[in-house]
Amino acid sequence: MRLCANLVMRGGRIVVVGEERQYPRIDTTEIAQKELEIVGSRNGTRQDMVEAIRLLETGIVKPFVAGRYPLEEINVAIQAMQNNSLGRLVVVMKEE
């Protein structure tokens, strides 16, 4: 949130998709002086999800997978996520 506030131009909009564990370090004076708009957003529509899955299936989008964890190690995966892992983390429910 702090980085967004630094980078957004005067009168700009910050769209929050996701959450931060800590209190965002942006004060109301900065919001008012830069005339910022801060809005929350869900992850998109069902059609957005269908399109995202299609892009993955066809190989157009290839996300970086930082780690794969069996279900038994889900707490390790959660810890990696909380430590700001770069890339996606995959929890494998059942090996086929």
Protein backbone atom coordinates (compact mmCIF):
# COMPACT_ATOMS: atom_id res chain seq x y z
CA MET A 1 0.00 0.00 0.00
CA ARG A 2 2.88 2.33 0.83
CA LEU A 3 4.50 1.71 -2.56
CA CYS A 4 1.18 2.27 -4.35
CA ALA A 5 0.74 5.62 -2.60
CA ASN A 6 4.24 6.65 -3.67
CA LEU A 7 3.73 5.67 -7.30
CA VAL A 8 0.16 6.74 -8.04
CA MET A 9 -0.24 10.18 -9.60
CA ARG A 10 -2.31 13.01 -8.16
CA GLY A 11 -6.00 12.19 -8.53
CA GLY A 12 -5.15 8.52 -9.14
CA ARG A 13 -6.93 5.41 -8.01
CA ILE A 14 -5.51 2.54 -5.97
CA VAL A 15 -7.46 -0.69 -6.42
CA VAL A 16 -6.90 -3.17 -3.61
CA VAL A 17 -7.19 -6.81 -4.67
CA GLY A 18 -6.06 -8.87 -1.71
CA GLU A 19 -5.20 -8.08 1.86
CA GLU A 20 -2.21 -6.99 3.91
CA ARG A 21 -1.64 -8.39 7.37
CA GLN A 22 -0.24 -5.12 8.68
CA TYR A 23 -1.96 -1.75 8.86
CA PRO A 24 -1.36 0.02 5.54
CA ARG A 25 1.07 2.92 6.04
CA ILE A 26 -0.78 5.68 4.24
CA ASP A 27 -2.28 8.62 6.08
CA THR A 28 -5.44 10.58 5.43
CA THR A 29 -3.50 13.81 4.83
CA GLU A 30 -1.66 12.16 1.93
CA ILE A 31 -4.92 10.77 0.55
CA ALA A 32 -6.53 14.21 0.68
CA GLN A 33 -3.53 16.18 -0.62
CA LYS A 34 -2.97 13.83 -3.57
CA GLU A 35 -6.75 13.47 -4.08
CA LEU A 36 -6.44 9.70 -4.14
CA GLU A 37 -9.26 7.23 -4.54
CA ILE A 38 -8.82 3.88 -2.79
CA VAL A 39 -11.26 1.12 -3.68
CA GLY A 40 -11.50 -2.55 -2.85
CA SER A 41 -12.19 -5.13 -5.51
CA ARG A 42 -13.08 -8.78 -5.56
CA ASN A 43 -11.09 -11.06 -7.80
CA GLY A 44 -13.35 -10.63 -10.82
CA THR A 45 -16.39 -12.20 -12.40
CA ARG A 46 -17.00 -15.85 -13.20
CA GLN A 47 -16.29 -15.07 -16.84
CA ASP A 48 -12.93 -13.59 -15.83
CA MET A 49 -12.14 -16.87 -14.07
CA VAL A 50 -13.19 -18.92 -17.13
CA GLU A 51 -10.92 -16.80 -19.32
CA ALA A 52 -8.02 -17.06 -16.87
CA ILE A 53 -8.32 -20.86 -16.79
CA ARG A 54 -8.47 -20.96 -20.60
CA LEU A 55 -5.26 -18.90 -20.80
CA LEU A 56 -3.56 -21.34 -18.43
CA GLU A 57 -4.86 -24.42 -20.30
CA THR A 58 -3.63 -23.16 -23.65
CA GLY A 59 -0.24 -22.22 -22.25
CA ILE A 60 -0.59 -18.53 -23.14
CA VAL A 61 -0.07 -17.69 -19.47
CA LYS A 62 2.60 -19.65 -17.61
CA PRO A 63 2.72 -18.59 -13.95
CA PHE A 64 5.94 -19.06 -12.02
CA VAL A 65 5.46 -21.83 -9.44
CA ALA A 66 7.78 -21.21 -6.50
CA GLY A 67 6.92 -24.44 -4.73
CA ARG A 68 4.75 -27.56 -4.62
CA TYR A 69 3.63 -29.03 -1.31
CA PRO A 70 1.71 -32.19 -0.46
CA LEU A 71 -1.43 -31.56 1.59
CA GLU A 72 0.37 -32.87 4.68
CA GLU A 73 2.77 -29.89 4.42
CA ILE A 74 0.13 -27.20 3.98
CA ASN A 75 1.41 -25.34 7.04
CA VAL A 76 4.84 -25.11 5.40
CA ALA A 77 3.19 -23.68 2.27
CA ILE A 78 1.25 -21.15 4.36
CA GLN A 79 4.47 -20.10 6.10
CA ALA A 80 6.18 -19.65 2.72
CA MET A 81 3.26 -17.50 1.56
CA GLN A 82 3.44 -15.37 4.72
CA ASN A 83 7.16 -14.91 4.07
CA ASN A 84 6.30 -13.30 0.71
CA SER A 85 7.20 -16.19 -1.56
CA LEU A 86 7.82 -14.98 -5.11
CA GLY A 87 5.51 -16.96 -7.35
CA ARG A 88 2.58 -19.30 -6.92
CA LEU A 89 2.53 -22.03 -4.32
CA VAL A 90 0.73 -25.24 -5.20
CA VAL A 91 -0.78 -27.57 -2.62
CA VAL A 92 -1.26 -31.02 -4.12
CA MET A 93 -4.37 -32.65 -2.70
CA LYS A 94 -3.69 -36.13 -4.06
CA GLU A 95 -0.99 -37.41 -6.39
CA GLU A 96 -2.34 -39.18 -9.45
